[in-house]
Amino acid sequence: MLKKSIRILLVAGLILTCSGSILLASEKIINPQALSHYIMGVLCDDLGDVESAIKEYRKALLTDNEAMAIRLNLAISLIRKNELPEAEKELRRLIKLYPKAIEPHVVLAILYSAQDKVDLAMSEYESALKEAANLNPKDIDIYRGLGSLYLKQKKLKEAENVYRIISALSPADPQAHFYLAVVYDELKKPDLCEEELNKTLKLSPEDPEALNYLGYKYAEWNKNLNQAERLIKKALSLEPDNGAYIDSLGWVYFKKASFKQAKRFLEKAASLLEDPVIYDHLGDVYFKLQEIEKAKSSWQKSWQLDPKQDSVKNKIEALNKNAGNAHPN
C-alpha cells in the first residue's frame, strides 16, 4: 500500500512574505492623510476593533484609491468581520490594479478555502505561486509548492514540468525524483516510475517512503518480488509500526503465493489502519485460503470505506453469484 504523502503546500512562506509586505507597504502611501488613516486602521486591527479598522481603511481610500496596502488590509479586515462578498470585491479590484501581485491571490485563496470553494482556492494559489516563481525563478520551495498543487489537481504534465525544473536546479534533490515517480505512476508509465524511484533511492537510500513505494510497485507489477520484499523490510526497519508498509509486505507475500504469511501481515495492517486498500488485499488472501465469509466481510468493509471501487463491488457480486466456486476477480 502506498502511504499518500502528497500535501498541498499552502504557501506559508508566501503568506509570511505577504504579511511583511503589507506592514512595510505603508512606505508607499504618499498621501499624508491616507497614511494617517491607514496607520489608525492598523492600530485598530491590532487592538481587535475590526469595525473601526474598516472605517479607517475606507477613509484612507478616499484620498489614495490605488494603494495596495490599504485595500489589502481592508479586505483582510472584512474577512475577519465575515463580510466575505465585500472582501472578495476588494481583492478582485486589487488583482485588476496589480495583476502581477502575489498577495491578493494568496488572501483570496484563504477566503475561498474558508468557504470550502476548493477549486477557486486552488486556482488562486496557482496564480500566486506562478507569480512568485516569475519573481524568484531559482526558488525551489516555490516550485515545490506549485508541483504539490498540480499533483493535487491531477495536472500531471504541469507537475512533471515543475519537478523537472526542480531536478535541473537541484540535481541532488531526492524529493524531485520521488514526485516525478508519483507523476509517472499516475500517467501509467511504469518504466519511468521505476527509474525515478531508483534515482530517489540512490540519492536517499534510507528514505522509507521511497523504499516502500518501489517495493509495492514491484508487487503490483508482479516483478522483482524478492527485491520488493527486501525494500519493504528495510522501510519497516525504519518505521516498524507503519500500517501501510506492513500491508505492502503482506501484498508481496500474496503475490509470492505465501498466503498464510500474507494473512498474518495483512491482518496486522488492518489492525493499525482502517483503509479500503488493506481490506481489499485482506479479502483476496482470505479468499485464497477459502475463508469465504471473512473474504466477503473484508471486501464489504473496503467498499464501504470507498464506494467508488468498482473492482471490489464486482468481487462481492461475483462471490454472491458463484458462492465461492471461483475467484471473483
Protein backbone atom coordinates (compact mmCIF):
# COMPACT_ATOMS: atom_id res chain seq x y z
CA MET A 1 0.00 0.00 0.00
CA LEU A 2 1.23 3.48 -0.84
CA LYS A 3 1.00 5.93 2.04
CA LYS A 4 -0.17 9.17 0.49
CA SER A 5 2.22 12.00 1.37
CA ILE A 6 1.31 14.49 -1.31
CA ARG A 7 0.05 17.52 0.52
CA ILE A 8 -0.65 20.98 -0.83
CA LEU A 9 1.95 23.44 0.37
CA LEU A 10 -0.39 26.22 1.47
CA VAL A 11 2.36 28.70 0.68
CA ALA A 12 3.06 29.59 4.31
CA GLY A 13 6.22 31.31 3.20
CA LEU A 14 4.26 33.39 0.72
CA ILE A 15 1.74 34.33 3.38
CA LEU A 16 4.54 35.44 5.69
CA THR A 17 6.07 37.38 2.82
CA CYS A 18 2.72 38.98 2.15
CA SER A 19 2.29 39.90 5.80
CA GLY A 20 5.66 41.60 5.77
CA SER A 21 4.90 43.49 2.60
CA ILE A 22 1.55 44.65 3.99
CA LEU A 23 3.24 46.13 7.03
CA LEU A 24 6.07 47.69 5.06
CA ALA A 25 3.88 48.94 2.24
CA SER A 26 2.90 51.99 4.28
CA GLU A 27 6.14 53.48 2.96
CA LYS A 28 4.48 53.58 -0.48
CA ILE A 29 1.45 55.55 0.74
CA ILE A 30 2.46 59.06 -0.28
CA ASN A 31 -0.67 60.99 0.67
CA PRO A 32 -0.26 62.07 4.34
CA GLN A 33 -4.00 61.92 5.04
CA ALA A 34 -4.28 58.43 3.59
CA LEU A 35 -1.22 57.32 5.56
CA SER A 36 -2.69 58.70 8.78
CA HIS A 37 -5.95 56.78 8.34
CA TYR A 38 -4.03 53.67 7.29
CA ILE A 39 -1.90 53.74 10.47
CA MET A 40 -5.05 54.25 12.57
CA GLY A 41 -6.61 51.28 10.79
CA VAL A 42 -3.60 49.07 11.58
CA LEU A 43 -3.74 50.22 15.21
CA CYS A 44 -7.46 49.39 15.45
CA ASP A 45 -6.76 45.97 13.90
CA ASP A 46 -4.06 45.31 16.50
CA LEU A 47 -6.50 46.26 19.26
CA GLY A 48 -9.15 43.90 17.86
CA ASP A 49 -11.51 46.71 16.84
CA VAL A 50 -12.18 45.42 13.32
CA GLU A 51 -15.17 47.67 12.62
CA SER A 52 -13.17 50.84 13.37
CA ALA A 53 -10.27 49.49 11.30
CA ILE A 54 -12.59 49.06 8.29
CA LYS A 55 -13.81 52.65 8.68
CA GLU A 56 -10.23 53.97 8.80
CA TYR A 57 -9.16 51.99 5.72
CA ARG A 58 -12.20 53.26 3.81
CA LYS A 59 -11.31 56.85 4.76
CA ALA A 60 -7.74 56.24 3.59
CA LEU A 61 -9.02 55.01 0.22
CA LEU A 62 -10.88 58.31 -0.31
CA THR A 63 -7.53 60.08 -0.78
CA ASP A 64 -5.47 57.14 -2.15
CA ASN A 65 -7.69 54.77 -4.07
CA GLU A 66 -4.90 52.60 -5.52
CA ALA A 67 -2.62 51.88 -2.54
CA MET A 68 -2.22 48.11 -2.27
CA ALA A 69 -1.60 48.09 1.49
CA ILE A 70 -4.82 49.97 2.25
CA ARG A 71 -7.08 47.87 0.07
CA LEU A 72 -5.42 44.59 1.10
CA ASN A 73 -5.74 45.37 4.81
CA LEU A 74 -9.34 46.40 4.20
CA ALA A 75 -10.04 43.03 2.56
CA ILE A 76 -8.42 41.15 5.45
CA SER A 77 -10.46 43.10 7.99
CA LEU A 78 -13.63 42.39 6.02
CA ILE A 79 -12.78 38.68 6.16
CA ARG A 80 -12.33 38.94 9.92
CA LYS A 81 -15.77 40.54 10.15
CA ASN A 82 -17.15 37.75 7.92
CA GLU A 83 -18.15 40.19 5.19
CA LEU A 84 -16.81 37.79 2.58
CA PRO A 85 -18.54 39.10 -0.59
CA GLU A 86 -17.18 42.61 0.11
CA ALA A 87 -13.72 41.22 0.83
CA GLU A 88 -13.79 39.32 -2.47
CA LYS A 89 -14.71 42.51 -4.35
CA GLU A 90 -11.78 44.39 -2.81
CA LEU A 91 -9.36 41.60 -3.67
CA ARG A 92 -10.64 41.42 -7.25
CA ARG A 93 -10.12 45.19 -7.57
CA LEU A 94 -6.56 44.74 -6.33
CA ILE A 95 -5.84 41.98 -8.85
CA LYS A 96 -7.11 44.26 -11.60
CA LEU A 97 -4.90 47.11 -10.36
CA TYR A 98 -1.84 44.90 -9.72
CA PRO A 99 -2.09 41.83 -11.98
CA LYS A 100 1.41 40.62 -11.04
CA ALA A 101 0.98 40.96 -7.27
CA ILE A 102 1.12 37.80 -5.19
CA GLU A 103 -0.65 38.94 -2.03
CA PRO A 104 -4.23 39.39 -3.33
CA HIS A 105 -4.20 35.87 -4.80
CA VAL A 106 -3.00 34.36 -1.50
CA VAL A 107 -5.62 36.17 0.60
CA LEU A 108 -8.34 35.33 -1.93
CA ALA A 109 -7.27 31.68 -1.79
CA ILE A 110 -7.61 31.74 2.00
CA LEU A 111 -11.06 33.33 1.66
CA TYR A 112 -12.19 30.61 -0.79
CA SER A 113 -10.72 27.88 1.43
CA ALA A 114 -12.76 29.20 4.36
CA GLN A 115 -15.87 28.88 2.16
CA ASP A 116 -14.92 25.32 1.01
CA LYS A 117 -14.60 26.59 -2.56
CA VAL A 118 -11.70 24.25 -3.20
CA ASP A 119 -11.33 24.71 -6.96
CA LEU A 120 -11.34 28.50 -6.70
CA ALA A 121 -8.83 28.38 -3.84
CA MET A 122 -6.57 26.09 -5.87
CA SER A 123 -6.73 28.47 -8.82
CA GLU A 124 -5.70 31.44 -6.68
CA TYR A 125 -2.84 29.52 -5.05
CA GLU A 126 -1.67 28.53 -8.52
CA SER A 127 -1.72 32.17 -9.66
CA ALA A 128 0.23 33.23 -6.56
CA LEU A 129 2.85 30.53 -7.00
CA LYS A 130 3.28 31.28 -10.69
CA GLU A 131 3.89 34.95 -9.97
CA ALA A 132 6.26 34.03 -7.14
CA ALA A 133 8.18 31.74 -9.50
CA ASN A 134 8.47 34.58 -12.01
CA LEU A 135 9.86 36.86 -9.30
CA ASN A 136 12.19 34.20 -7.88
CA PRO A 137 12.92 31.76 -10.76
CA LYS A 138 15.51 29.83 -8.73
CA ASP A 139 13.50 29.43 -5.52
CA ILE A 140 12.98 25.66 -5.26
CA ASP A 141 10.47 25.92 -2.41
CA ILE A 142 8.09 27.86 -4.63
CA TYR A 143 8.34 25.19 -7.33
CA ARG A 144 7.72 22.51 -4.71
CA GLY A 145 4.50 24.26 -3.73
CA LEU A 146 3.43 24.54 -7.35
CA GLY A 147 4.28 20.90 -8.02
CA SER A 148 2.27 19.76 -4.99
CA LEU A 149 -0.65 21.85 -6.17
CA TYR A 150 -0.55 20.38 -9.68
CA LEU A 151 -0.42 16.85 -8.26
CA LYS A 152 -3.44 17.58 -6.09
CA GLN A 153 -5.27 18.95 -9.13
CA LYS A 154 -4.17 15.95 -11.25
CA LYS A 155 -2.48 18.34 -13.70
CA LEU A 156 0.15 15.71 -14.34
CA LYS A 157 2.00 17.20 -17.32
CA GLU A 158 2.32 20.51 -15.49
CA ALA A 159 3.54 18.67 -12.38
CA GLU A 160 6.08 16.77 -14.48
CA ASN A 161 7.44 20.04 -15.91
CA VAL A 162 7.75 21.62 -12.46
CA TYR A 163 9.59 18.66 -10.94
CA ARG A 164 11.89 18.56 -13.96
CA ILE A 165 12.74 22.21 -13.24
CA ILE A 166 13.48 21.33 -9.60
CA SER A 167 15.74 18.43 -10.57
CA ALA A 168 17.59 20.73 -13.00
CA LEU A 169 18.02 23.43 -10.35
CA SER A 170 18.99 20.92 -7.67
CA PRO A 171 20.20 17.60 -9.19
CA ALA A 172 20.81 16.08 -5.75
CA ASP A 173 17.22 16.67 -4.55
CA PRO A 174 15.68 13.20 -3.98
CA GLN A 175 12.16 14.58 -3.49
CA ALA A 176 12.05 15.91 -7.06
CA HIS A 177 12.71 12.39 -8.37
CA PHE A 178 10.25 10.87 -5.89
CA TYR A 179 7.40 13.08 -7.04
CA LEU A 180 8.35 12.56 -10.67
CA ALA A 181 7.87 8.85 -9.92
CA VAL A 182 4.43 9.65 -8.50
CA VAL A 183 3.58 11.58 -11.67
CA TYR A 184 4.71 8.71 -13.92
CA ASP A 185 2.79 6.23 -11.77
CA GLU A 186 -0.37 8.29 -12.30
CA LEU A 187 0.40 8.52 -16.03
CA LYS A 188 0.76 4.70 -16.21
CA LYS A 189 4.42 4.88 -17.25
CA PRO A 190 5.93 2.10 -15.09
CA ASP A 191 9.43 2.19 -16.60
CA LEU A 192 9.83 5.91 -15.90
CA CYS A 193 8.27 5.50 -12.46
CA GLU A 194 10.80 2.77 -11.60
CA GLU A 195 13.67 4.84 -12.98
CA GLU A 196 12.79 7.87 -10.84
CA LEU A 197 12.32 5.77 -7.70
CA ASN A 198 15.74 4.22 -8.22
CA LYS A 199 17.22 7.72 -8.60
CA THR A 200 15.48 8.72 -5.36
CA LEU A 201 16.98 5.77 -3.50
CA LYS A 202 20.43 6.38 -4.96
CA LEU A 203 20.31 9.90 -3.50
CA SER A 204 18.50 8.92 -0.30
CA PRO A 205 18.89 5.17 0.37
CA GLU A 206 17.25 5.38 3.81
CA ASP A 207 14.03 7.02 2.60
CA PRO A 208 11.32 4.67 3.94
CA GLU A 209 8.58 6.07 1.74
CA ALA A 210 10.60 5.57 -1.45
CA LEU A 211 11.66 2.09 -0.30
CA ASN A 212 8.04 1.13 0.30
CA TYR A 213 6.83 2.78 -2.89
CA LEU A 214 9.21 0.86 -5.14
CA GLY A 215 8.64 -2.40 -3.25
CA TYR A 216 4.88 -2.04 -3.50
CA LYS A 217 5.02 -1.14 -7.20
CA TYR A 218 7.14 -4.24 -7.88
CA ALA A 219 4.39 -6.29 -6.23
CA GLU A 220 1.73 -4.52 -8.29
CA TRP A 221 3.76 -5.09 -11.46
CA ASN A 222 4.39 -8.69 -10.34
CA LYS A 223 8.17 -8.42 -10.86
CA ASN A 224 11.32 -8.45 -8.73
CA LEU A 225 9.35 -9.86 -5.79
CA ASN A 226 12.42 -10.85 -3.77
CA GLN A 227 13.81 -7.36 -4.18
CA ALA A 228 10.40 -5.93 -3.28
CA GLU A 229 10.46 -7.92 -0.04
CA ARG A 230 13.93 -6.59 0.82
CA LEU A 231 12.95 -2.99 0.08
CA ILE A 232 9.81 -3.09 2.20
CA LYS A 233 11.56 -4.86 5.07
CA LYS A 234 14.14 -2.07 5.04
CA ALA A 235 11.33 0.52 5.15
CA LEU A 236 9.83 -1.35 8.10
CA SER A 237 13.17 -1.42 9.89
CA LEU A 238 12.94 2.39 9.81
CA GLU A 239 9.21 2.61 10.60
CA PRO A 240 8.21 -0.72 12.16
CA ASP A 241 4.63 0.25 13.06
CA ASN A 242 3.70 1.77 9.71
CA GLY A 243 0.48 0.04 8.70
CA ALA A 244 0.85 0.99 5.04
CA TYR A 245 4.29 -0.64 4.84
CA ILE A 246 3.05 -3.76 6.67
CA ASP A 247 0.27 -4.01 4.09
CA SER A 248 2.87 -3.74 1.31
CA LEU A 249 4.84 -6.65 2.74
CA GLY A 250 1.69 -8.72 3.08
CA TRP A 251 0.85 -7.94 -0.54
CA VAL A 252 4.31 -9.09 -1.67
CA TYR A 253 3.75 -12.41 0.12
CA PHE A 254 0.34 -12.67 -1.57
CA LYS A 255 2.00 -12.21 -4.96
CA LYS A 256 4.54 -14.90 -4.00
CA ALA A 257 1.59 -17.22 -3.15
CA SER A 258 2.67 -17.34 0.52
CA PHE A 259 -0.91 -16.83 1.59
CA LYS A 260 -0.61 -17.72 5.29
CA GLN A 261 2.29 -15.32 5.68
CA ALA A 262 0.36 -12.70 3.71
CA LYS A 263 -2.62 -13.16 6.02
CA ARG A 264 -0.50 -12.53 9.12
CA PHE A 265 0.83 -9.21 7.84
CA LEU A 266 -2.41 -8.02 6.27
CA GLU A 267 -4.38 -8.69 9.45
CA LYS A 268 -1.78 -6.70 11.39
CA ALA A 269 -2.04 -3.85 8.87
CA ALA A 270 -5.84 -3.84 9.21
CA SER A 271 -5.48 -3.60 12.99
CA LEU A 272 -3.37 -0.45 12.55
CA LEU A 273 -5.18 1.29 9.68
CA GLU A 274 -8.78 1.35 8.53
CA ASP A 275 -8.07 1.62 4.83
CA PRO A 276 -10.01 0.33 1.80
CA VAL A 277 -6.87 -0.98 0.07
CA ILE A 278 -5.86 -3.05 3.09
CA TYR A 279 -9.32 -4.59 3.42
CA ASP A 280 -9.35 -5.35 -0.31
CA HIS A 281 -5.98 -7.13 -0.01
CA LEU A 282 -7.16 -8.97 3.09
CA GLY A 283 -10.29 -10.12 1.27
CA ASP A 284 -8.14 -11.51 -1.54
CA VAL A 285 -5.95 -13.53 0.81
CA TYR A 286 -8.95 -14.84 2.77
CA PHE A 287 -10.47 -15.98 -0.50
CA LYS A 288 -7.29 -17.81 -1.48
CA LEU A 289 -7.34 -19.57 1.89
CA GLN A 290 -11.02 -20.48 1.34
CA GLU A 291 -12.15 -18.34 4.27
CA ILE A 292 -15.07 -17.13 2.20
CA GLU A 293 -17.14 -15.31 4.83
CA LYS A 294 -14.08 -13.41 6.01
CA ALA A 295 -13.27 -12.52 2.41
CA LYS A 296 -16.77 -11.19 1.86
CA SER A 297 -16.67 -9.21 5.11
CA SER A 298 -13.30 -7.64 4.23
CA TRP A 299 -14.40 -6.66 0.73
CA GLN A 300 -17.60 -5.17 2.14
CA LYS A 301 -15.56 -3.08 4.60
CA SER A 302 -13.32 -1.96 1.74
CA TRP A 303 -16.28 -0.95 -0.41
CA GLN A 304 -17.99 0.85 2.49
CA LEU A 305 -14.85 2.92 3.03
CA ASP A 306 -14.60 3.73 -0.68
CA PRO A 307 -17.80 3.05 -2.68
CA LYS A 308 -16.09 4.19 -5.89
CA GLN A 309 -14.16 0.91 -6.09
CA ASP A 310 -15.95 -0.92 -8.89
CA SER A 311 -13.45 -3.79 -8.75
CA VAL A 312 -14.30 -4.50 -5.10
CA LYS A 313 -18.02 -4.23 -5.77
CA ASN A 314 -17.62 -6.71 -8.62
CA LYS A 315 -15.83 -9.18 -6.32
CA ILE A 316 -18.68 -9.05 -3.81
CA GLU A 317 -21.30 -9.52 -6.52
CA ALA A 318 -19.37 -12.39 -8.12
CA LEU A 319 -18.92 -14.04 -4.73
CA ASN A 320 -22.64 -13.87 -4.05
CA LYS A 321 -23.37 -15.27 -7.50
CA ASN A 322 -20.75 -18.02 -7.56
CA ALA A 323 -20.93 -18.97 -3.87
CA GLY A 324 -17.13 -19.23 -3.75
CA ASN A 325 -16.60 -21.55 -6.69
CA ALA A 326 -14.22 -19.20 -8.44
CA HIS A 327 -12.16 -16.16 -7.62
CA PRO A 328 -14.33 -13.09 -8.24
CA ASN A 329 -11.61 -11.00 -9.93
